[in-house]
C-alpha atoms as a PDB file:
ATOM      1  CA  MET A   1      88.494  33.495 181.315  1.00  0.00           C
ATOM      2  CA  ILE A   2      88.587  29.701 181.405  1.00  0.00           C
ATOM      3  CA  GLU A   3      84.970  29.508 180.299  1.00  0.00           C
ATOM      4  CA  LYS A   4      85.553  32.036 177.501  1.00  0.00           C
ATOM      5  CA  ILE A   5      88.413  29.914 176.178  1.00  0.00           C
ATOM      6  CA  ARG A   6      86.453  26.685 176.521  1.00  0.00           C
ATOM      7  CA  GLN A   7      83.390  28.003 174.677  1.00  0.00           C
ATOM      8  CA  TRP A   8      85.497  29.545 171.907  1.00  0.00           C
ATOM      9  CA  ALA A   9      87.519  26.335 171.460  1.00  0.00           C
ATOM     10  CA  LYS A  10      84.295  24.355 171.051  1.00  0.00           C
ATOM     11  CA  THR A  11      83.579  26.367 167.897  1.00  0.00           C
ATOM     12  CA  GLN A  12      87.036  25.716 166.433  1.00  0.00           C
ATOM     13  CA  GLY A  13      87.113  22.465 164.499  1.00  0.00           C
ATOM     14  CA  ASN A  14      90.891  22.621 164.264  1.00  0.00           C
ATOM     15  CA  ILE A  15      91.259  22.515 168.055  1.00  0.00           C
ATOM     16  CA  ARG A  16      91.004  18.979 169.429  1.00  0.00           C
ATOM     17  CA  ALA A  17      91.952  19.420 173.094  1.00  0.00           C
ATOM     18  CA  VAL A  18      92.585  22.219 175.603  1.00  0.00           C
ATOM     19  CA  LEU A  19      94.588  21.893 178.801  1.00  0.00           C
ATOM     20  CA  LEU A  20      95.076  24.261 181.725  1.00  0.00           C
ATOM     21  CA  THR A  21      98.492  23.893 183.398  1.00  0.00           C
ATOM     22  CA  SER A  22     100.670  25.433 186.124  1.00  0.00           C
ATOM     23  CA  SER A  23      99.390  27.158 189.297  1.00  0.00           C
ATOM     24  CA  ARG A  24      95.706  27.478 188.319  1.00  0.00           C
ATOM     25  CA  ALA A  25      95.590  23.747 187.677  1.00  0.00           C
ATOM     26  CA  ARG A  26      97.169  22.796 191.011  1.00  0.00           C
ATOM     27  CA  GLU A  27      94.753  24.519 193.407  1.00  0.00           C
ATOM     28  CA  ASP A  28      97.493  24.676 196.054  1.00  0.00           C
ATOM     29  CA  LYS A  29      96.414  28.025 197.472  1.00  0.00           C
ATOM     30  CA  THR A  30      99.158  29.932 195.657  1.00  0.00           C
ATOM     31  CA  VAL A  31      96.759  31.452 193.108  1.00  0.00           C
ATOM     32  CA  ASP A  32      95.773  35.110 193.360  1.00  0.00           C
ATOM     33  CA  GLN A  33      94.097  37.608 191.051  1.00  0.00           C
ATOM     34  CA  LEU A  34      97.382  38.176 189.160  1.00  0.00           C
ATOM     35  CA  SER A  35      98.117  34.510 188.477  1.00  0.00           C
ATOM     36  CA  ASP A  36      98.557  33.618 184.806  1.00  0.00           C
ATOM     37  CA  TYR A  37      96.298  31.320 182.843  1.00  0.00           C
ATOM     38  CA  ASP A  38      98.554  28.756 181.134  1.00  0.00           C
ATOM     39  CA  ILE A  39      96.562  27.298 178.259  1.00  0.00           C
ATOM     40  CA  GLU A  40      97.653  24.562 175.847  1.00  0.00           C
ATOM     41  CA  LEU A  41      95.734  24.236 172.582  1.00  0.00           C
ATOM     42  CA  TYR A  42      96.292  20.925 170.785  1.00  0.00           C
ATOM     43  CA  VAL A  43      95.427  21.385 167.136  1.00  0.00           C
ATOM     44  CA  ASN A  44      95.529  19.751 163.711  1.00  0.00           C
ATOM     45  CA  ASP A  45      97.142  22.756 162.024  1.00  0.00           C
ATOM     46  CA  ILE A  46      99.249  25.205 164.037  1.00  0.00           C
ATOM     47  CA  ASN A  47      99.458  27.669 161.147  1.00  0.00           C
ATOM     48  CA  LEU A  48      95.796  28.591 161.521  1.00  0.00           C
ATOM     49  CA  TYR A  49      96.663  30.344 164.804  1.00  0.00           C
ATOM     50  CA  THR A  50     100.069  31.767 163.931  1.00  0.00           C
ATOM     51  CA  GLY A  51      99.374  33.454 160.601  1.00  0.00           C
ATOM     52  CA  SER A  52      97.090  35.955 162.341  1.00  0.00           C
ATOM     53  CA  ASN A  53      96.653  36.886 165.987  1.00  0.00           C
ATOM     54  CA  ASP A  54      93.103  38.171 165.580  1.00  0.00           C
ATOM     55  CA  TRP A  55      91.694  35.131 167.414  1.00  0.00           C
ATOM     56  CA  LEU A  56      93.268  36.393 170.641  1.00  0.00           C
ATOM     57  CA  ARG A  57      90.819  39.321 170.651  1.00  0.00           C
ATOM     58  CA  ASN A  58      87.997  36.914 171.477  1.00  0.00           C
ATOM     59  CA  PHE A  59      89.073  37.081 175.118  1.00  0.00           C
ATOM     60  CA  GLY A  60      89.443  40.819 175.626  1.00  0.00           C
ATOM     61  CA  GLU A  61      91.228  43.984 174.552  1.00  0.00           C
ATOM     62  CA  ILE A  62      94.930  43.260 174.091  1.00  0.00           C
ATOM     63  CA  VAL A  63      97.465  45.520 175.807  1.00  0.00           C
ATOM     64  CA  ILE A  64     100.630  43.487 175.211  1.00  0.00           C
ATOM     65  CA  LEU A  65     101.191  40.546 172.872  1.00  0.00           C
ATOM     66  CA  LEU A  66     104.445  38.590 172.639  1.00  0.00           C
ATOM     67  CA  PRO A  67     104.612  35.927 169.937  1.00  0.00           C
ATOM     68  CA  GLU A  68     107.173  33.309 170.951  1.00  0.00           C
ATOM     69  CA  LYS A  69     108.134  29.696 170.403  1.00  0.00           C
ATOM     70  CA  ARG A  70     108.212  26.807 172.864  1.00  0.00           C
ATOM     71  CA  ASN A  71     109.998  23.487 172.643  1.00  0.00           C
ATOM     72  CA  LEU A  72     107.827  20.526 173.608  1.00  0.00           C
ATOM     73  CA  LEU A  73     109.585  17.147 173.638  1.00  0.00           C
ATOM     74  CA  GLY A  74     112.046  18.219 170.956  1.00  0.00           C
ATOM     75  CA  ALA A  75     109.448  19.791 168.649  1.00  0.00           C
ATOM     76  CA  GLU A  76     109.084  23.543 168.223  1.00  0.00           C
ATOM     77  CA  GLN A  77     105.574  24.819 168.916  1.00  0.00           C
ATOM     78  CA  ALA A  78     104.081  28.309 168.900  1.00  0.00           C
ATOM     79  CA  SER A  79     103.130  30.387 171.914  1.00  0.00           C
ATOM     80  CA  ARG A  80     101.307  33.667 172.377  1.00  0.00           C
ATOM     81  CA  LEU A  81     101.764  35.560 175.640  1.00  0.00           C
ATOM     82  CA  VAL A  82      98.987  38.084 176.165  1.00  0.00           C
ATOM     83  CA  ILE A  83      98.030  40.709 178.741  1.00  0.00           C
ATOM     84  CA  TYR A  84      94.466  42.011 178.420  1.00  0.00           C
ATOM     85  CA  ARG A  85      93.041  45.382 179.401  1.00  0.00           C
ATOM     86  CA  ASP A  86      91.549  44.031 182.649  1.00  0.00           C
ATOM     87  CA  GLY A  87      94.995  42.787 183.715  1.00  0.00           C
ATOM     88  CA  THR A  88      94.391  39.135 182.896  1.00  0.00           C
ATOM     89  CA  LYS A  89      97.490  37.403 181.534  1.00  0.00           C
ATOM     90  CA  VAL A  90      97.150  34.302 179.395  1.00  0.00           C
ATOM     91  CA  ASP A  91     100.030  32.234 178.039  1.00  0.00           C
ATOM     92  CA  PHE A  92      98.795  30.234 175.064  1.00  0.00           C
ATOM     93  CA  THR A  93     100.757  27.295 173.677  1.00  0.00           C
ATOM     94  CA  ILE A  94      99.613  26.067 170.274  1.00  0.00           C
ATOM     95  CA  ALA A  95     100.815  22.493 169.801  1.00  0.00           C
ATOM     96  CA  HIS A  96     100.136  19.767 167.265  1.00  0.00           C
ATOM     97  CA  ILE A  97      97.982  16.861 168.481  1.00  0.00           C
ATOM     98  CA  ASP A  98     100.899  14.492 167.800  1.00  0.00           C
ATOM     99  CA  ILE A  99     102.549  15.944 170.910  1.00  0.00           C
ATOM    100  CA  LEU A 100      99.737  14.542 173.060  1.00  0.00           C
ATOM    101  CA  ALA A 101     100.251  11.090 171.566  1.00  0.00           C
ATOM    102  CA  LYS A 102     103.965  11.367 172.306  1.00  0.00           C
ATOM    103  CA  ILE A 103     103.271  12.437 175.906  1.00  0.00           C
ATOM    104  CA  LYS A 104     101.023   9.423 176.460  1.00  0.00           C
ATOM    105  CA  SER A 105     103.770   7.095 175.222  1.00  0.00           C
ATOM    106  CA  LEU A 106     106.258   8.341 177.804  1.00  0.00           C
ATOM    107  CA  PRO A 107     106.851   6.338 181.022  1.00  0.00           C
ATOM    108  CA  SER A 108     106.048   9.451 183.061  1.00  0.00           C
ATOM    109  CA  LEU A 109     104.620  12.911 182.479  1.00  0.00           C
ATOM    110  CA  PRO A 110     106.993  15.713 181.480  1.00  0.00           C
ATOM    111  CA  ASP A 111     107.606  18.171 184.305  1.00  0.00           C
ATOM    112  CA  TRP A 112     105.260  20.880 183.099  1.00  0.00           C
ATOM    113  CA  LEU A 113     102.307  18.453 183.191  1.00  0.00           C
ATOM    114  CA  ASP A 114     103.374  16.493 186.261  1.00  0.00           C
ATOM    115  CA  ASP A 115     103.327  19.851 188.047  1.00  0.00           C
ATOM    116  CA  GLY A 116      99.561  19.888 187.480  1.00  0.00           C
ATOM    117  CA  TYR A 117      97.027  20.065 184.660  1.00  0.00           C
ATOM    118  CA  LYS A 118      93.294  20.060 184.001  1.00  0.00           C
ATOM    119  CA  VAL A 119      91.549  19.013 180.799  1.00  0.00           C
ATOM    120  CA  LEU A 120      89.237  21.839 179.750  1.00  0.00           C
ATOM    121  CA  LEU A 121      88.138  20.281 176.473  1.00  0.00           C
ATOM    122  CA  ASP A 122      88.694  16.981 174.691  1.00  0.00           C
ATOM    123  CA  LYS A 123      86.861  16.428 171.414  1.00  0.00           C
ATOM    124  CA  GLY A 124      88.274  13.027 170.516  1.00  0.00           C
ATOM    125  CA  ASN A 125      89.304  11.272 173.739  1.00  0.00           C
ATOM    126  CA  LEU A 126      92.879  12.402 173.098  1.00  0.00           C
ATOM    127  CA  THR A 127      93.576  12.754 176.818  1.00  0.00           C
ATOM    128  CA  ILE A 128      91.768   9.647 178.020  1.00  0.00           C
ATOM    129  CA  ASN A 129      94.961   7.728 178.815  1.00  0.00           C
ATOM    130  CA  LEU A 130      97.013  10.731 179.884  1.00  0.00           C
ATOM    131  CA  LYS A 131      98.730   9.944 183.185  1.00  0.00           C
ATOM    132  CA  LYS A 132      97.609  11.829 186.260  1.00  0.00           C
ATOM    133  CA  PRO A 133      99.979  14.449 187.664  1.00  0.00           C
ATOM    134  CA  GLY A 134     102.180  13.300 190.535  1.00  0.00           C
ATOM    135  CA  TYR A 135     103.068  16.846 191.601  1.00  0.00           C
ATOM    136  CA  LYS A 136     106.717  15.830 191.961  1.00  0.00           C
ATOM    137  CA  ALA A 137     108.122  18.041 189.220  1.00  0.00           C
ATOM    138  CA  TYR A 138     110.707  20.719 189.937  1.00  0.00           C
ATOM    139  CA  ILE A 139     111.959  19.027 193.096  1.00  0.00           C
ATOM    140  CA  PRO A 140     115.736  19.554 193.164  1.00  0.00           C
ATOM    141  CA  ARG A 141     117.788  16.375 193.169  1.00  0.00           C
ATOM    142  CA  LYS A 142     120.752  16.012 195.458  1.00  0.00           C
ATOM    143  CA  PRO A 143     123.814  17.539 193.784  1.00  0.00           C
ATOM    144  CA  SER A 144     126.951  15.488 193.308  1.00  0.00           C
ATOM    145  CA  GLU A 145     129.981  16.633 195.283  1.00  0.00           C
ATOM    146  CA  LYS A 146     131.458  18.080 192.095  1.00  0.00           C
ATOM    147  CA  GLU A 147     128.275  20.073 191.408  1.00  0.00           C
ATOM    148  CA  TYR A 148     128.314  21.356 194.979  1.00  0.00           C
ATOM    149  CA  GLN A 149     131.998  22.334 194.855  1.00  0.00           C
ATOM    150  CA  ASP A 150     131.626  23.937 191.416  1.00  0.00           C
ATOM    151  CA  LEU A 151     128.825  26.159 192.680  1.00  0.00           C
ATOM    152  CA  ILE A 152     130.959  27.233 195.653  1.00  0.00           C
ATOM    153  CA  LYS A 153     133.870  28.092 193.352  1.00  0.00           C
ATOM    154  CA  GLU A 154     131.607  30.081 191.079  1.00  0.00           C
ATOM    155  CA  PHE A 155     130.292  32.021 194.060  1.00  0.00           C
ATOM    156  CA  TRP A 156     133.728  33.018 195.333  1.00  0.00           C
ATOM    157  CA  TRP A 157     134.944  33.820 191.830  1.00  0.00           C
ATOM    158  CA  GLU A 158     132.049  36.202 191.306  1.00  0.00           C
ATOM    159  CA  THR A 159     132.480  37.936 194.673  1.00  0.00           C
ATOM    160  CA  THR A 160     135.866  39.230 193.486  1.00  0.00           C
ATOM    161  CA  TYR A 161     134.164  40.892 190.514  1.00  0.00           C
ATOM    162  CA  VAL A 162     131.721  42.614 192.843  1.00  0.00           C
ATOM    163  CA  ALA A 163     134.607  43.878 194.986  1.00  0.00           C
ATOM    164  CA  LYS A 164     136.673  45.078 192.013  1.00  0.00           C
ATOM    165  CA  ASN A 165     133.778  46.984 190.505  1.00  0.00           C
ATOM    166  CA  LEU A 166     132.757  48.543 193.808  1.00  0.00           C
ATOM    167  CA  TYR A 167     136.370  49.669 194.230  1.00  0.00           C
ATOM    168  CA  ARG A 168     136.152  51.293 190.787  1.00  0.00           C
ATOM    169  CA  ASN A 169     132.724  52.736 191.607  1.00  0.00           C
ATOM    170  CA  GLU A 170     131.296  50.853 188.605  1.00  0.00           C
ATOM    171  CA  ILE A 171     127.849  50.096 189.953  1.00  0.00           C
ATOM    172  CA  PHE A 172     126.359  48.498 186.810  1.00  0.00           C
ATOM    173  CA  PRO A 173     128.837  45.599 186.519  1.00  0.00           C
ATOM    174  CA  ALA A 174     128.935  45.299 190.320  1.00  0.00           C
ATOM    175  CA  LYS A 175     125.151  44.878 190.441  1.00  0.00           C
ATOM    176  CA  TYR A 176     125.240  42.457 187.498  1.00  0.00           C
ATOM    177  CA  SER A 177     127.567  40.171 189.437  1.00  0.00           C
ATOM    178  CA  SER A 178     125.863  40.595 192.814  1.00  0.00           C
ATOM    179  CA  ASP A 179     122.209  40.731 191.790  1.00  0.00           C
ATOM    180  CA  TYR A 180     122.067  38.454 188.758  1.00  0.00           C
ATOM    181  CA  VAL A 181     124.945  35.985 188.896  1.00  0.00           C
ATOM    182  CA  ILE A 182     125.371  35.574 192.647  1.00  0.00           C
ATOM    183  CA  ARG A 183     121.800  36.066 193.780  1.00  0.00           C
ATOM    184  CA  TYR A 184     119.808  34.288 191.076  1.00  0.00           C
ATOM    185  CA  LYS A 185     122.233  31.842 189.468  1.00  0.00           C
ATOM    186  CA  ILE A 186     124.139  30.757 192.572  1.00  0.00           C
ATOM    187  CA  LEU A 187     122.438  31.699 195.847  1.00  0.00           C
ATOM    188  CA  VAL A 188     118.948  30.621 194.773  1.00  0.00           C
ATOM    189  CA  LYS A 189     120.287  27.209 193.718  1.00  0.00           C
ATOM    190  CA  MET A 190     122.067  26.776 197.060  1.00  0.00           C
ATOM    191  CA  LEU A 191     118.883  27.814 198.874  1.00  0.00           C
ATOM    192  CA  GLU A 192     116.874  25.284 196.849  1.00  0.00           C
ATOM    193  CA  TRP A 193     119.237  22.613 198.148  1.00  0.00           C
ATOM    194  CA  TYR A 194     119.221  24.048 201.664  1.00  0.00           C
ATOM    195  CA  VAL A 195     115.434  23.981 202.121  1.00  0.00           C
ATOM    196  CA  GLN A 196     115.425  20.257 201.293  1.00  0.00           C
ATOM    197  CA  ILE A 197     117.455  19.359 204.387  1.00  0.00           C
ATOM    198  CA  GLU A 198     114.484  19.053 206.738  1.00  0.00           C
ATOM    199  CA  ARG A 199     112.091  18.040 203.959  1.00  0.00           C
ATOM    200  CA  GLY A 200     113.726  14.845 202.766  1.00  0.00           C
ATOM    201  CA  TRP A 201     114.615  16.256 199.347  1.00  0.00           C
ATOM    202  CA  GLY A 202     110.968  16.123 198.337  1.00  0.00           C
ATOM    203  CA  CYS A 203     109.978  19.790 198.302  1.00  0.00           C
ATOM    204  CA  SER A 204     109.161  21.533 195.033  1.00  0.00           C
ATOM    205  CA  THR A 205     110.673  24.998 194.646  1.00  0.00           C
ATOM    206  CA  GLY A 206     109.577  27.803 192.364  1.00  0.00           C
ATOM    207  CA  PHE A 207     111.188  29.707 189.514  1.00  0.00           C
ATOM    208  CA  VAL A 208     114.033  32.119 190.504  1.00  0.00           C
ATOM    209  CA  GLY A 209     113.290  31.784 194.197  1.00  0.00           C
ATOM    210  CA  LYS A 210     109.521  32.042 194.090  1.00  0.00           C
ATOM    211  CA  GLY A 211     108.114  30.471 197.220  1.00  0.00           C
ATOM    212  CA  LEU A 212     111.437  30.368 199.098  1.00  0.00           C
ATOM    213  CA  LYS A 213     110.243  32.935 201.635  1.00  0.00           C
ATOM    214  CA  LYS A 214     107.661  30.461 202.917  1.00  0.00           C
ATOM    215  CA  LEU A 215     110.295  27.729 203.208  1.00  0.00           C
ATOM    216  CA  LEU A 216     112.777  29.734 205.285  1.00  0.00           C
ATOM    217  CA  SER A 217     112.519  30.550 208.972  1.00  0.00           C
ATOM    218  CA  GLN A 218     111.806  34.142 209.971  1.00  0.00           C
ATOM    219  CA  ASP A 219     115.376  34.551 211.223  1.00  0.00           C
ATOM    220  CA  GLU A 220     116.765  33.223 207.948  1.00  0.00           C
ATOM    221  CA  TRP A 221     114.517  35.534 205.957  1.00  0.00           C
ATOM    222  CA  ASP A 222     115.502  38.540 208.085  1.00  0.00           C
ATOM    223  CA  GLU A 223     119.171  37.752 207.471  1.00  0.00           C
ATOM    224  CA  LEU A 224     118.600  37.235 203.768  1.00  0.00           C
ATOM    225  CA  GLN A 225     117.122  40.707 203.411  1.00  0.00           C
ATOM    226  CA  GLY A 226     120.551  42.116 204.212  1.00  0.00           C
ATOM    227  CA  ILE A 227     121.827  41.130 200.773  1.00  0.00           C
ATOM    228  CA  PHE A 228     119.388  43.468 199.011  1.00  0.00           C
ATOM    229  CA  THR A 229     120.324  47.112 198.544  1.00  0.00           C
ATOM    230  CA  GLY A 230     120.200  50.050 196.109  1.00  0.00           C
ATOM    231  CA  ALA A 231     122.929  51.891 194.220  1.00  0.00           C
ATOM    232  CA  ASP A 232     125.004  53.356 197.079  1.00  0.00           C
ATOM    233  CA  THR A 233     128.560  51.977 196.982  1.00  0.00           C
ATOM    234  CA  LYS A 234     128.993  51.685 200.752  1.00  0.00           C
ATOM    235  CA  GLU A 235     125.675  49.910 201.102  1.00  0.00           C
ATOM    236  CA  ASN A 236     126.701  47.490 198.356  1.00  0.00           C
ATOM    237  CA  TRP A 237     129.919  46.694 200.201  1.00  0.00           C
ATOM    238  CA  GLN A 238     127.878  45.820 203.270  1.00  0.00           C
ATOM    239  CA  ALA A 239     125.465  43.789 201.147  1.00  0.00           C
ATOM    240  CA  LEU A 240     128.437  41.861 199.718  1.00  0.00           C
ATOM    241  CA  PHE A 241     129.719  41.002 203.196  1.00  0.00           C
ATOM    242  CA  ASN A 242     126.180  40.039 204.258  1.00  0.00           C
ATOM    243  CA  THR A 243     125.861  37.815 201.188  1.00  0.00           C
ATOM    244  CA  ILE A 244     129.166  36.095 201.932  1.00  0.00           C
ATOM    245  CA  GLU A 245     128.165  35.389 205.533  1.00  0.00           C
ATOM    246  CA  PHE A 246     124.728  34.126 204.568  1.00  0.00           C
ATOM    247  CA  PHE A 247     126.023  31.952 201.730  1.00  0.00           C
ATOM    248  CA  ARG A 248     128.794  30.525 203.910  1.00  0.00           C
ATOM    249  CA  ASN A 249     126.267  29.437 206.531  1.00  0.00           C
ATOM    250  CA  ILE A 250     123.736  27.773 204.236  1.00  0.00           C
ATOM    251  CA  ALA A 251     126.447  26.158 202.060  1.00  0.00           C
ATOM    252  CA  GLY A 252     127.984  24.736 205.221  1.00  0.00           C
ATOM    253  CA  GLU A 253     124.653  23.239 206.279  1.00  0.00           C
ATOM    254  CA  VAL A 254     124.151  21.701 202.828  1.00  0.00           C
ATOM    255  CA  ALA A 255     127.641  20.184 203.037  1.00  0.00           C
ATOM    256  CA  LYS A 256     126.816  18.608 206.416  1.00  0.00           C
ATOM    257  CA  ASP A 257     123.568  17.130 205.097  1.00  0.00           C
ATOM    258  CA  LEU A 258     125.233  15.641 202.027  1.00  0.00           C
ATOM    259  CA  GLY A 259     128.420  14.530 203.746  1.00  0.00           C
ATOM    260  CA  TYR A 260     130.579  16.879 201.683  1.00  0.00           C
ATOM    261  CA  LYS A 261     133.404  19.157 202.813  1.00  0.00           C
ATOM    262  CA  TYR A 262     132.942  22.912 202.652  1.00  0.00           C
ATOM    263  CA  PRO A 263     136.086  24.492 201.065  1.00  0.00           C
ATOM    264  CA  ASP A 264     137.322  26.514 204.047  1.00  0.00           C
ATOM    265  CA  GLU A 265     140.651  27.364 202.430  1.00  0.00           C
ATOM    266  CA  LEU A 266     138.974  28.812 199.326  1.00  0.00           C
ATOM    267  CA  ASP A 267     136.653  30.791 201.585  1.00  0.00           C
ATOM    268  CA  ARG A 268     139.515  32.136 203.694  1.00  0.00           C
ATOM    269  CA  ASN A 269     141.812  33.059 200.801  1.00  0.00           C
ATOM    270  CA  THR A 270     139.131  34.800 198.746  1.00  0.00           C
ATOM    271  CA  SER A 271     137.733  36.628 201.760  1.00  0.00           C
ATOM    272  CA  GLU A 272     141.217  38.010 202.470  1.00  0.00           C
ATOM    273  CA  GLN A 273     141.479  39.343 198.905  1.00  0.00           C
ATOM    274  CA  ILE A 274     138.088  41.033 199.160  1.00  0.00           C
ATOM    275  CA  GLU A 275     139.015  42.591 202.508  1.00  0.00           C
ATOM    276  CA  LYS A 276     142.216  44.009 200.989  1.00  0.00           C
ATOM    277  CA  ILE A 277     140.280  45.566 198.109  1.00  0.00           C
ATOM    278  CA  TYR A 278     137.750  47.016 200.554  1.00  0.00           C
ATOM    279  CA  LYS A 279     140.413  48.527 202.811  1.00  0.00           C
ATOM    280  CA  THR A 280     142.250  50.184 199.890  1.00  0.00           C
ATOM    281  CA  GLU A 281     139.072  51.700 198.429  1.00  0.00           C
END
């Protein structure tokens, strides 16, 4: 696929540079046959590739095409997300060449390039002074005590919604709070902080928990699996209690590492409310 794109781009006078980014540019052994190709086309005129999508057929038979937009350094650029018949997925970004000049003027690479890139084609030495990736992007910074406490409060607030909706046998809103808000917005963030404790706050973490399994111990992963469940109300009650116990433990460890105080009173008071709801179900 990379060679197809490179050879096609050579024939396009409007295209001045092509970059490969993300996992396939890092070569960190996380790539498999389903990994995306993230391609950035730097062009003179974006409209030549947004008015018609026929050019995307040069790389295979299209099964799904999503035309979207992407913000690069404050400027809106076009993107085309494509899945081809053979299963290959390519995310194309079509950006104006001025963006490259802006990137080179920055004191450091933006995260998406610092995470790794390869130059596939450069027709005018546009990338010659582009800084090399440092592979330090997407490393969580230490949260302030307010950020830490706010996340704890949000967690306990949301657990009451799970309990109320399980009491009412309303599984959709219960799963929204437990699976989306608690699991992905709150727990994943706390886990991203937690895995830094023995890694000096220098470990890059993936999108929505990708890669966390490799960063947790087997015992931690086994315990974490207890928060996942289906649609049965009783099982969701148990998953809620498992989530509370797991979150309490990792949040406590993060507090110790940062020198913060875990809010025991908030924990105790909210847990009592949830227990009352559970016992009156």
